[in-house]
Amino acid sequence: MEIREFLALVVPFIIVIYIGFLLFIRPTRPALRASLLGGLVMGLINALIDLVAYYAGWWYYNLNGLTLHLPLPFYITPLLVYGSIVYLLIWRFWTGRGRWFALFLLFSVPIFCIVRDTLGGISSSSYAVWKSPLATPVTIVMWLVAFYGGFLLFQRLAPPRPEVNWEVVKPERDEAMKAEQE
């Protein structure tokens, strides 16, 4: 039942947040496509490792409504939030004074995902039940490969960010500039 509740209650909220970020970032269509592909790669790697972990006996999910032993709607979060939104924010802030924020996201998001999953698995406070000491190193490698694999695909496919002039031009200044040009 938890999977259907997540799908009904959380996924619409994630989509609204995603649309809000798209309105803020205003990516080009190629950048949007590249970010969705990068997020898709991230989600697929995450799902594939979860499936391998189930059959290898490293961890499993104790939820109702799993498909092939996987909580498929849960992978919308890596696809849209940790993947697409983060990649677009990095793309948006890569040049200029916001570069520190892009670098912060580039390094902190995989660390956050690693710490979140590791603490949840060790303390048994998440839906994943860890059964092996290999779960921690596999989780670390999984998030590093998933995040940076998706980011490399995004970086390869996304066009460079167009230069945007955020300077506010006053009308008096426009008239003075026109007079000088004539």
Protein backbone atom coordinates (compact mmCIF):
# COMPACT_ATOMS: atom_id res chain seq x y z
CA MET A 1 0.00 0.00 0.00
CA GLU A 2 2.90 2.39 0.62
CA ILE A 3 3.85 2.48 -3.07
CA ARG A 4 0.38 3.60 -4.16
CA GLU A 5 0.28 6.24 -1.42
CA PHE A 6 3.67 7.55 -2.52
CA LEU A 7 2.46 7.65 -6.12
CA ALA A 8 -0.75 9.46 -5.18
CA LEU A 9 0.58 11.90 -2.56
CA VAL A 10 4.26 12.53 -3.18
CA VAL A 11 4.74 12.28 -6.96
CA PRO A 12 2.34 15.18 -7.77
CA PHE A 13 4.22 17.33 -5.25
CA ILE A 14 7.55 16.41 -6.87
CA ILE A 15 6.17 17.33 -10.29
CA VAL A 16 4.92 20.72 -9.03
CA ILE A 17 8.33 21.44 -7.48
CA TYR A 18 10.01 20.36 -10.73
CA ILE A 19 7.85 22.73 -12.78
CA GLY A 20 8.63 25.53 -10.33
CA PHE A 21 12.35 24.98 -10.80
CA LEU A 22 11.89 24.92 -14.58
CA LEU A 23 10.17 28.31 -14.39
CA PHE A 24 13.08 29.66 -12.32
CA ILE A 25 15.91 28.18 -14.39
CA ARG A 26 14.29 28.59 -17.83
CA PRO A 27 16.45 26.01 -19.59
CA THR A 28 16.68 25.64 -23.32
CA ARG A 29 14.95 22.60 -24.78
CA PRO A 30 18.23 20.76 -25.44
CA ALA A 31 19.34 21.42 -21.85
CA LEU A 32 16.00 20.20 -20.50
CA ARG A 33 16.19 17.03 -22.59
CA ALA A 34 19.80 16.45 -21.52
CA SER A 35 18.89 16.90 -17.85
CA LEU A 36 16.00 14.45 -18.12
CA LEU A 37 18.24 11.91 -19.85
CA GLY A 38 20.91 12.37 -17.18
CA GLY A 39 18.28 11.92 -14.47
CA LEU A 40 16.94 8.86 -16.26
CA VAL A 41 20.42 7.34 -16.32
CA MET A 42 20.74 8.09 -12.62
CA GLY A 43 17.40 6.44 -11.84
CA LEU A 44 18.13 3.41 -14.02
CA ILE A 45 21.53 2.83 -12.40
CA ASN A 46 19.89 3.14 -8.99
CA ALA A 47 17.16 0.63 -9.92
CA LEU A 48 19.63 -1.78 -11.50
CA ILE A 49 21.87 -1.77 -8.43
CA ASP A 50 18.82 -2.23 -6.17
CA LEU A 51 17.79 -5.25 -8.25
CA VAL A 52 21.30 -6.72 -8.14
CA ALA A 53 21.43 -6.06 -4.40
CA TYR A 54 18.17 -7.94 -3.89
CA TYR A 55 19.36 -11.03 -5.76
CA ALA A 56 22.85 -10.84 -4.19
CA GLY A 57 21.32 -10.59 -0.72
CA TRP A 58 22.80 -7.19 0.18
CA TRP A 59 19.49 -5.43 0.85
CA TYR A 60 15.81 -5.56 0.01
CA TYR A 61 12.74 -3.32 0.35
CA ASN A 62 10.07 -4.22 2.91
CA LEU A 63 7.15 -2.50 1.18
CA ASN A 64 3.86 -3.68 -0.23
CA GLY A 65 3.25 -3.28 -3.94
CA LEU A 66 6.78 -3.80 -5.24
CA THR A 67 7.32 -4.52 -8.93
CA LEU A 68 10.14 -7.00 -9.53
CA HIS A 69 11.18 -6.40 -5.89
CA LEU A 70 11.64 -2.68 -6.65
CA PRO A 71 9.68 0.39 -5.53
CA LEU A 72 9.44 1.83 -9.07
CA PRO A 73 7.72 5.16 -8.17
CA PHE A 74 10.57 5.90 -5.74
CA TYR A 75 12.94 6.32 -8.70
CA ILE A 76 11.07 9.45 -9.79
CA THR A 77 12.94 11.33 -7.05
CA PRO A 78 16.45 10.53 -8.37
CA LEU A 79 15.24 11.18 -11.92
CA LEU A 80 13.65 14.59 -11.33
CA VAL A 81 15.10 15.98 -8.09
CA TYR A 82 18.62 14.61 -7.60
CA GLY A 83 19.13 14.32 -11.35
CA SER A 84 17.34 16.78 -13.59
CA ILE A 85 16.87 19.71 -11.17
CA VAL A 86 20.40 19.48 -9.80
CA TYR A 87 21.94 19.18 -13.28
CA LEU A 88 19.95 22.21 -14.48
CA LEU A 89 20.97 24.22 -11.41
CA ILE A 90 24.61 23.35 -12.04
CA TRP A 91 24.14 24.35 -15.70
CA ARG A 92 22.47 27.63 -14.66
CA PHE A 93 25.05 28.68 -12.08
CA TRP A 94 28.21 27.27 -13.69
CA THR A 95 29.35 30.65 -15.01
CA GLY A 96 29.45 33.86 -13.04
CA ARG A 97 29.30 34.59 -9.36
CA GLY A 98 27.13 31.55 -8.62
CA ARG A 99 29.83 29.07 -9.59
CA TRP A 100 30.42 28.23 -5.93
CA PHE A 101 26.80 27.04 -5.71
CA ALA A 102 27.21 24.84 -8.79
CA LEU A 103 30.36 23.28 -7.32
CA PHE A 104 28.61 22.83 -3.99
CA LEU A 105 25.78 20.92 -5.68
CA LEU A 106 28.22 18.90 -7.74
CA PHE A 107 29.91 17.53 -4.64
CA SER A 108 27.23 17.67 -1.94
CA VAL A 109 24.32 15.89 -3.67
CA PRO A 110 26.04 12.50 -4.01
CA ILE A 111 27.42 12.84 -0.47
CA PHE A 112 23.92 13.61 0.83
CA CYS A 113 22.46 10.57 -0.96
CA ILE A 114 25.24 8.32 0.36
CA VAL A 115 24.85 9.54 3.94
CA ARG A 116 21.03 9.35 3.81
CA ASP A 117 20.98 5.78 2.50
CA THR A 118 23.81 4.60 4.76
CA LEU A 119 22.29 6.02 7.93
CA GLY A 120 18.87 4.65 6.99
CA GLY A 121 20.30 1.22 6.29
CA ILE A 122 22.47 1.01 9.38
CA SER A 123 19.79 2.29 11.76
CA SER A 124 17.02 0.27 10.04
CA SER A 125 14.93 3.42 9.73
CA SER A 126 14.33 3.24 5.98
CA TYR A 127 12.35 0.98 3.68
CA ALA A 128 15.55 -0.80 2.69
CA VAL A 129 16.63 -3.61 5.00
CA TRP A 130 20.37 -4.16 4.84
CA LYS A 131 21.50 -7.74 5.21
CA SER A 132 25.21 -7.59 4.33
CA PRO A 133 28.30 -5.58 5.25
CA LEU A 134 28.77 -5.02 1.50
CA ALA A 135 25.70 -2.79 1.45
CA THR A 136 27.63 0.30 2.54
CA PRO A 137 30.41 0.16 -0.09
CA VAL A 138 27.91 -0.80 -2.79
CA THR A 139 25.73 2.18 -1.84
CA ILE A 140 28.72 4.52 -1.99
CA VAL A 141 29.77 3.28 -5.42
CA MET A 142 26.18 3.25 -6.65
CA TRP A 143 25.53 6.91 -5.86
CA LEU A 144 28.89 8.08 -7.19
CA VAL A 145 28.46 6.18 -10.47
CA ALA A 146 24.78 7.12 -10.81
CA PHE A 147 25.17 10.84 -10.10
CA TYR A 148 28.38 11.46 -12.04
CA GLY A 149 27.35 9.11 -14.88
CA GLY A 150 24.14 11.08 -15.32
CA PHE A 151 26.04 14.34 -15.01
CA LEU A 152 28.59 13.34 -17.65
CA LEU A 153 25.78 12.45 -20.05
CA PHE A 154 24.06 15.75 -19.26
CA GLN A 155 27.28 17.71 -19.73
CA ARG A 156 27.93 15.99 -23.06
CA LEU A 157 24.42 16.64 -24.42
CA ALA A 158 23.60 20.05 -22.93
CA PRO A 159 24.47 23.15 -24.90
CA PRO A 160 26.54 25.85 -23.27
CA ARG A 161 24.47 28.26 -21.25
CA PRO A 162 23.58 31.37 -23.23
CA GLU A 163 24.98 34.53 -21.74
CA VAL A 164 22.25 36.50 -20.05
CA ASN A 165 22.56 40.17 -19.21
CA TRP A 166 20.77 40.77 -15.93
CA GLU A 167 21.58 44.48 -15.88
CA VAL A 168 18.56 46.74 -15.54
CA VAL A 169 18.72 49.55 -18.06
CA LYS A 170 16.98 52.78 -17.10
CA PRO A 171 14.97 54.66 -19.76
CA GLU A 172 17.02 57.89 -19.38
CA ARG A 173 20.15 55.92 -19.98
CA ASP A 174 18.64 54.40 -23.14
CA GLU A 175 17.84 57.82 -24.54
CA ALA A 176 21.34 59.09 -23.73
CA MET A 177 22.88 56.05 -25.43
CA LYS A 178 20.72 56.55 -28.53
CA ALA A 179 21.71 60.21 -28.71
CA GLU A 180 25.42 59.28 -28.48
CA GLN A 181 25.09 56.72 -31.25
CA GLU A 182 23.50 59.24 -33.62
